[in-house]
Amino acid sequence: MKNNNLFASFKYALEGILNAGKKERNFRIHIFVATVVIVSGSFSHLSKNEWIFIIFCISGMISLELVNSAIEKVVDLASPEIHALAKQAKDMSAAAVLVFACASAIIGILIFIPKWMEIFN
């Protein structure tokens, strides 16, 4: 069933975020890390372009974690028993999160280490 109500769509999206916050441990970890990065960025005097990269990494990471969680739920619903293809789908969606997390960490290192070197030198 298609929902044509724009406000209801936003409500459902917010419910999805809140549900993930309550039930998904990895989502909560990403929110915690994002908070640490934002606070660190505030103290590190990031440039506008650096903030753009940080925001992209944070929003991409959180979005990808939500997609991963959704894929896991759908696979569990469609294949409650252990099945090789179900495992592959879940492993691949988790791998996508891992790849983006590694790239985000590298971007964070490239942004923050020079800033901290300036502060402590």
N, C-alpha and C. Protein backbone atom coordinates (compact mmCIF):
# COMPACT_ATOMS: atom_id res chain seq x y z
N MET A 1 0.84 -1.18 0.00
CA MET A 1 0.00 0.00 0.00
C MET A 1 0.88 1.24 0.00
N LYS A 2 0.63 2.11 -0.92
CA LYS A 2 1.38 3.35 -1.07
C LYS A 2 0.75 4.42 -0.20
N ASN A 3 1.60 5.13 0.54
CA ASN A 3 1.13 6.24 1.37
C ASN A 3 1.42 7.53 0.63
N ASN A 4 0.39 8.29 0.32
CA ASN A 4 0.56 9.55 -0.41
C ASN A 4 0.64 10.77 0.52
N ASN A 5 0.57 10.56 1.82
CA ASN A 5 0.62 11.65 2.78
C ASN A 5 2.08 11.93 3.16
N LEU A 6 2.56 13.10 2.78
CA LEU A 6 3.95 13.47 3.03
C LEU A 6 4.29 13.49 4.51
N PHE A 7 3.41 14.03 5.33
CA PHE A 7 3.68 14.12 6.76
C PHE A 7 3.71 12.74 7.40
N ALA A 8 2.85 11.85 6.93
CA ALA A 8 2.86 10.48 7.44
C ALA A 8 4.18 9.79 7.07
N SER A 9 4.70 10.09 5.89
CA SER A 9 5.97 9.51 5.46
C SER A 9 7.10 9.93 6.40
N PHE A 10 7.11 11.20 6.78
CA PHE A 10 8.12 11.67 7.72
C PHE A 10 7.93 11.01 9.09
N LYS A 11 6.69 10.83 9.49
CA LYS A 11 6.39 10.18 10.77
C LYS A 11 6.93 8.75 10.76
N TYR A 12 6.70 8.01 9.67
CA TYR A 12 7.18 6.63 9.59
C TYR A 12 8.71 6.59 9.58
N ALA A 13 9.33 7.53 8.91
CA ALA A 13 10.79 7.58 8.89
C ALA A 13 11.33 7.83 10.30
N LEU A 14 10.72 8.74 11.02
CA LEU A 14 11.13 9.02 12.40
C LEU A 14 10.93 7.79 13.28
N GLU A 15 9.81 7.09 13.07
CA GLU A 15 9.57 5.85 13.82
C GLU A 15 10.67 4.83 13.53
N GLY A 16 11.13 4.77 12.28
CA GLY A 16 12.21 3.86 11.92
C GLY A 16 13.49 4.19 12.64
N ILE A 17 13.82 5.48 12.72
CA ILE A 17 15.02 5.91 13.43
C ILE A 17 14.91 5.59 14.92
N LEU A 18 13.76 5.89 15.51
CA LEU A 18 13.56 5.62 16.94
C LEU A 18 13.60 4.12 17.22
N ASN A 19 13.00 3.33 16.34
CA ASN A 19 13.02 1.88 16.49
C ASN A 19 14.44 1.35 16.43
N ALA A 20 15.22 1.84 15.49
CA ALA A 20 16.62 1.41 15.39
C ALA A 20 17.39 1.80 16.65
N GLY A 21 17.11 2.99 17.16
CA GLY A 21 17.78 3.44 18.38
C GLY A 21 17.46 2.55 19.58
N LYS A 22 16.26 2.03 19.61
CA LYS A 22 15.85 1.17 20.73
C LYS A 22 16.34 -0.27 20.58
N LYS A 23 16.38 -0.77 19.35
CA LYS A 23 16.58 -2.20 19.14
C LYS A 23 17.89 -2.60 18.49
N GLU A 24 18.61 -1.66 17.91
CA GLU A 24 19.82 -2.01 17.15
C GLU A 24 21.07 -1.49 17.84
N ARG A 25 21.84 -2.41 18.43
CA ARG A 25 23.06 -2.05 19.16
C ARG A 25 24.05 -1.30 18.27
N ASN A 26 24.28 -1.78 17.06
CA ASN A 26 25.26 -1.13 16.19
C ASN A 26 24.83 0.28 15.79
N PHE A 27 23.54 0.49 15.64
CA PHE A 27 23.03 1.83 15.34
C PHE A 27 23.37 2.77 16.49
N ARG A 28 23.16 2.31 17.72
CA ARG A 28 23.49 3.14 18.89
C ARG A 28 24.99 3.43 18.95
N ILE A 29 25.81 2.45 18.59
CA ILE A 29 27.26 2.67 18.56
C ILE A 29 27.60 3.76 17.55
N HIS A 30 26.99 3.70 16.37
CA HIS A 30 27.26 4.72 15.34
C HIS A 30 26.81 6.10 15.81
N ILE A 31 25.69 6.18 16.49
CA ILE A 31 25.22 7.47 17.02
C ILE A 31 26.21 8.00 18.06
N PHE A 32 26.70 7.13 18.92
CA PHE A 32 27.68 7.54 19.93
C PHE A 32 28.95 8.06 19.27
N VAL A 33 29.48 7.30 18.31
CA VAL A 33 30.70 7.71 17.62
C VAL A 33 30.47 9.02 16.87
N ALA A 34 29.31 9.17 16.24
CA ALA A 34 29.00 10.42 15.54
C ALA A 34 29.01 11.60 16.50
N THR A 35 28.47 11.40 17.69
CA THR A 35 28.45 12.46 18.70
C THR A 35 29.87 12.83 19.11
N VAL A 36 30.72 11.83 19.32
CA VAL A 36 32.12 12.09 19.67
C VAL A 36 32.82 12.86 18.55
N VAL A 37 32.56 12.47 17.31
CA VAL A 37 33.19 13.15 16.16
C VAL A 37 32.71 14.60 16.07
N ILE A 38 31.44 14.83 16.27
CA ILE A 38 30.90 16.20 16.19
C ILE A 38 31.50 17.07 17.30
N VAL A 39 31.57 16.54 18.51
CA VAL A 39 32.17 17.30 19.61
C VAL A 39 33.65 17.56 19.32
N SER A 40 34.36 16.53 18.86
CA SER A 40 35.78 16.71 18.51
C SER A 40 35.95 17.74 17.40
N GLY A 41 35.07 17.69 16.42
CA GLY A 41 35.13 18.66 15.32
C GLY A 41 34.90 20.08 15.80
N SER A 42 34.02 20.24 16.77
CA SER A 42 33.74 21.57 17.32
C SER A 42 34.97 22.16 17.99
N PHE A 43 35.75 21.32 18.65
CA PHE A 43 36.96 21.79 19.33
C PHE A 43 38.16 21.88 18.40
N SER A 44 38.07 21.29 17.22
CA SER A 44 39.21 21.24 16.30
C SER A 44 39.18 22.31 15.22
N HIS A 45 38.18 23.18 15.26
CA HIS A 45 38.06 24.29 14.31
C HIS A 45 38.13 23.80 12.86
N LEU A 46 37.23 22.90 12.52
CA LEU A 46 37.21 22.36 11.17
C LEU A 46 36.75 23.42 10.17
N SER A 47 37.25 23.32 8.96
CA SER A 47 36.81 24.21 7.89
C SER A 47 35.45 23.75 7.37
N LYS A 48 34.85 24.58 6.57
CA LYS A 48 33.56 24.24 5.97
C LYS A 48 33.66 22.95 5.16
N ASN A 49 34.70 22.82 4.35
CA ASN A 49 34.88 21.62 3.54
C ASN A 49 35.12 20.38 4.40
N GLU A 50 35.84 20.53 5.49
CA GLU A 50 36.06 19.40 6.40
C GLU A 50 34.74 18.96 7.03
N TRP A 51 33.92 19.94 7.43
CA TRP A 51 32.60 19.60 7.99
C TRP A 51 31.73 18.89 6.95
N ILE A 52 31.83 19.29 5.70
CA ILE A 52 31.06 18.62 4.65
C ILE A 52 31.43 17.15 4.58
N PHE A 53 32.73 16.85 4.61
CA PHE A 53 33.17 15.45 4.59
C PHE A 53 32.70 14.71 5.84
N ILE A 54 32.81 15.35 6.99
CA ILE A 54 32.38 14.71 8.24
C ILE A 54 30.88 14.43 8.21
N ILE A 55 30.09 15.40 7.79
CA ILE A 55 28.64 15.22 7.72
C ILE A 55 28.28 14.12 6.73
N PHE A 56 28.98 14.08 5.59
CA PHE A 56 28.74 13.02 4.62
C PHE A 56 29.05 11.65 5.23
N CYS A 57 30.16 11.55 5.92
CA CYS A 57 30.53 10.27 6.54
C CYS A 57 29.53 9.84 7.61
N ILE A 58 29.14 10.77 8.46
CA ILE A 58 28.19 10.44 9.53
C ILE A 58 26.83 10.05 8.96
N SER A 59 26.31 10.87 8.06
CA SER A 59 24.98 10.57 7.51
C SER A 59 25.01 9.30 6.66
N GLY A 60 26.09 9.10 5.91
CA GLY A 60 26.21 7.88 5.13
C GLY A 60 26.30 6.65 6.01
N MET A 61 27.05 6.74 7.09
CA MET A 61 27.22 5.61 8.00
C MET A 61 25.91 5.25 8.67
N ILE A 62 25.20 6.26 9.17
CA ILE A 62 23.93 6.00 9.84
C ILE A 62 22.91 5.46 8.84
N SER A 63 22.87 6.03 7.66
CA SER A 63 21.94 5.55 6.62
C SER A 63 22.24 4.11 6.24
N LEU A 64 23.51 3.80 6.05
CA LEU A 64 23.88 2.44 5.66
C LEU A 64 23.57 1.45 6.77
N GLU A 65 23.76 1.84 8.01
CA GLU A 65 23.41 0.96 9.13
C GLU A 65 21.90 0.71 9.17
N LEU A 66 21.11 1.74 8.88
CA LEU A 66 19.65 1.55 8.82
C LEU A 66 19.27 0.58 7.70
N VAL A 67 19.89 0.72 6.54
CA VAL A 67 19.62 -0.18 5.41
C VAL A 67 20.04 -1.60 5.77
N ASN A 68 21.22 -1.75 6.39
CA ASN A 68 21.69 -3.06 6.81
C ASN A 68 20.69 -3.71 7.77
N SER A 69 20.22 -2.95 8.74
CA SER A 69 19.26 -3.48 9.70
C SER A 69 17.95 -3.88 9.01
N ALA A 70 17.51 -3.06 8.07
CA ALA A 70 16.29 -3.39 7.33
C ALA A 70 16.46 -4.67 6.51
N ILE A 71 17.61 -4.81 5.86
CA ILE A 71 17.87 -6.03 5.08
C ILE A 71 17.87 -7.25 6.00
N GLU A 72 18.51 -7.13 7.15
CA GLU A 72 18.52 -8.25 8.09
C GLU A 72 17.12 -8.64 8.53
N LYS A 73 16.28 -7.65 8.80
CA LYS A 73 14.90 -7.94 9.23
C LYS A 73 14.11 -8.63 8.11
N VAL A 74 14.25 -8.14 6.88
CA VAL A 74 13.52 -8.73 5.76
C VAL A 74 14.01 -10.15 5.49
N VAL A 75 15.32 -10.36 5.56
CA VAL A 75 15.86 -11.71 5.34
C VAL A 75 15.36 -12.65 6.43
N ASP A 76 15.36 -12.20 7.69
CA ASP A 76 14.86 -13.04 8.78
C ASP A 76 13.39 -13.38 8.58
N LEU A 77 12.62 -12.42 8.08
CA LEU A 77 11.19 -12.66 7.84
C LEU A 77 11.00 -13.65 6.69
N ALA A 78 11.76 -13.48 5.62
CA ALA A 78 11.60 -14.32 4.43
C ALA A 78 12.21 -15.71 4.61
N SER A 79 13.22 -15.81 5.43
CA SER A 79 13.92 -17.08 5.60
C SER A 79 14.23 -17.31 7.07
N PRO A 80 13.23 -17.71 7.86
CA PRO A 80 13.47 -17.90 9.30
C PRO A 80 14.47 -19.02 9.59
N GLU A 81 14.55 -20.00 8.69
CA GLU A 81 15.53 -21.07 8.86
C GLU A 81 16.87 -20.61 8.26
N ILE A 82 17.93 -21.25 8.71
CA ILE A 82 19.25 -20.93 8.17
C ILE A 82 19.31 -21.37 6.70
N HIS A 83 19.71 -20.45 5.84
CA HIS A 83 19.81 -20.72 4.41
C HIS A 83 21.05 -20.01 3.90
N ALA A 84 21.78 -20.67 3.00
CA ALA A 84 23.04 -20.11 2.49
C ALA A 84 22.84 -18.75 1.83
N LEU A 85 21.78 -18.58 1.04
CA LEU A 85 21.56 -17.29 0.38
C LEU A 85 21.16 -16.20 1.38
N ALA A 86 20.40 -16.57 2.39
CA ALA A 86 20.04 -15.59 3.43
C ALA A 86 21.29 -15.12 4.16
N LYS A 87 22.18 -16.06 4.47
CA LYS A 87 23.44 -15.70 5.13
C LYS A 87 24.27 -14.80 4.25
N GLN A 88 24.35 -15.11 2.98
CA GLN A 88 25.13 -14.27 2.05
C GLN A 88 24.58 -12.86 1.99
N ALA A 89 23.25 -12.72 1.93
CA ALA A 89 22.64 -11.39 1.86
C ALA A 89 22.96 -10.59 3.12
N LYS A 90 22.84 -11.23 4.28
CA LYS A 90 23.13 -10.54 5.53
C LYS A 90 24.61 -10.20 5.66
N ASP A 91 25.47 -11.13 5.26
CA ASP A 91 26.91 -10.88 5.32
C ASP A 91 27.32 -9.75 4.38
N MET A 92 26.73 -9.71 3.19
CA MET A 92 27.08 -8.66 2.22
C MET A 92 26.60 -7.29 2.70
N SER A 93 25.42 -7.22 3.31
CA SER A 93 24.97 -5.92 3.79
C SER A 93 25.83 -5.46 4.97
N ALA A 94 26.25 -6.40 5.81
CA ALA A 94 27.16 -6.05 6.90
C ALA A 94 28.52 -5.61 6.35
N ALA A 95 28.97 -6.26 5.28
CA ALA A 95 30.24 -5.88 4.65
C ALA A 95 30.18 -4.47 4.09
N ALA A 96 29.04 -4.08 3.54
CA ALA A 96 28.89 -2.71 3.03
C ALA A 96 29.06 -1.70 4.15
N VAL A 97 28.50 -2.01 5.31
CA VAL A 97 28.67 -1.13 6.47
C VAL A 97 30.14 -1.06 6.87
N LEU A 98 30.81 -2.21 6.89
CA LEU A 98 32.21 -2.25 7.27
C LEU A 98 33.08 -1.44 6.31
N VAL A 99 32.83 -1.57 5.01
CA VAL A 99 33.61 -0.82 4.02
C VAL A 99 33.44 0.68 4.23
N PHE A 100 32.20 1.12 4.42
CA PHE A 100 31.95 2.55 4.62
C PHE A 100 32.53 3.03 5.95
N ALA A 101 32.47 2.19 6.98
CA ALA A 101 33.04 2.55 8.28
C ALA A 101 34.56 2.73 8.16
N CYS A 102 35.21 1.83 7.45
CA CYS A 102 36.67 1.95 7.26
C CYS A 102 37.02 3.22 6.48
N ALA A 103 36.27 3.48 5.41
CA ALA A 103 36.52 4.70 4.63
C ALA A 103 36.28 5.94 5.48
N SER A 104 35.23 5.92 6.28
CA SER A 104 34.93 7.07 7.15
C SER A 104 36.02 7.26 8.19
N ALA A 105 36.53 6.18 8.73
CA ALA A 105 37.61 6.28 9.72
C ALA A 105 38.87 6.87 9.08
N ILE A 106 39.17 6.46 7.87
CA ILE A 106 40.35 7.00 7.17
C ILE A 106 40.16 8.50 6.91
N ILE A 107 38.96 8.88 6.47
CA ILE A 107 38.68 10.30 6.25
C ILE A 107 38.82 11.07 7.56
N GLY A 108 38.30 10.51 8.64
CA GLY A 108 38.43 11.15 9.95
C GLY A 108 39.87 11.33 10.37
N ILE A 109 40.67 10.31 10.15
CA ILE A 109 42.10 10.39 10.48
C ILE A 109 42.78 11.48 9.64
N LEU A 110 42.47 11.52 8.35
CA LEU A 110 43.08 12.51 7.47
C LEU A 110 42.68 13.94 7.84
N ILE A 111 41.49 14.10 8.40
CA ILE A 111 41.03 15.43 8.81
C ILE A 111 41.55 15.79 10.19
N PHE A 112 41.41 14.88 11.16
CA PHE A 112 41.68 15.23 12.54
C PHE A 112 43.16 15.22 12.92
N ILE A 113 43.93 14.28 12.44
CA ILE A 113 45.33 14.20 12.86
C ILE A 113 46.10 15.49 12.56
N PRO A 114 46.00 16.05 11.35
CA PRO A 114 46.70 17.33 11.13
C PRO A 114 46.20 18.46 12.05
N LYS A 115 44.90 18.49 12.33
CA LYS A 115 44.36 19.51 13.22
C LYS A 115 44.94 19.35 14.62
N TRP A 116 45.00 18.13 15.11
CA TRP A 116 45.51 17.88 16.45
C TRP A 116 47.02 18.11 16.50
N MET A 117 47.71 17.84 15.41
CA MET A 117 49.15 18.10 15.37
C MET A 117 49.40 19.62 15.50
N GLU A 118 48.55 20.44 14.87
CA GLU A 118 48.67 21.90 15.00
C GLU A 118 48.43 22.35 16.43
N ILE A 119 47.43 21.76 17.07
CA ILE A 119 47.06 22.17 18.43
C ILE A 119 48.16 21.82 19.41
N PHE A 120 48.74 20.62 19.29
CA PHE A 120 49.71 20.15 20.26
C PHE A 120 51.16 20.47 19.93
N ASN A 121 51.39 21.14 18.83
CA ASN A 121 52.76 21.55 18.49
C ASN A 121 52.98 23.02 18.72
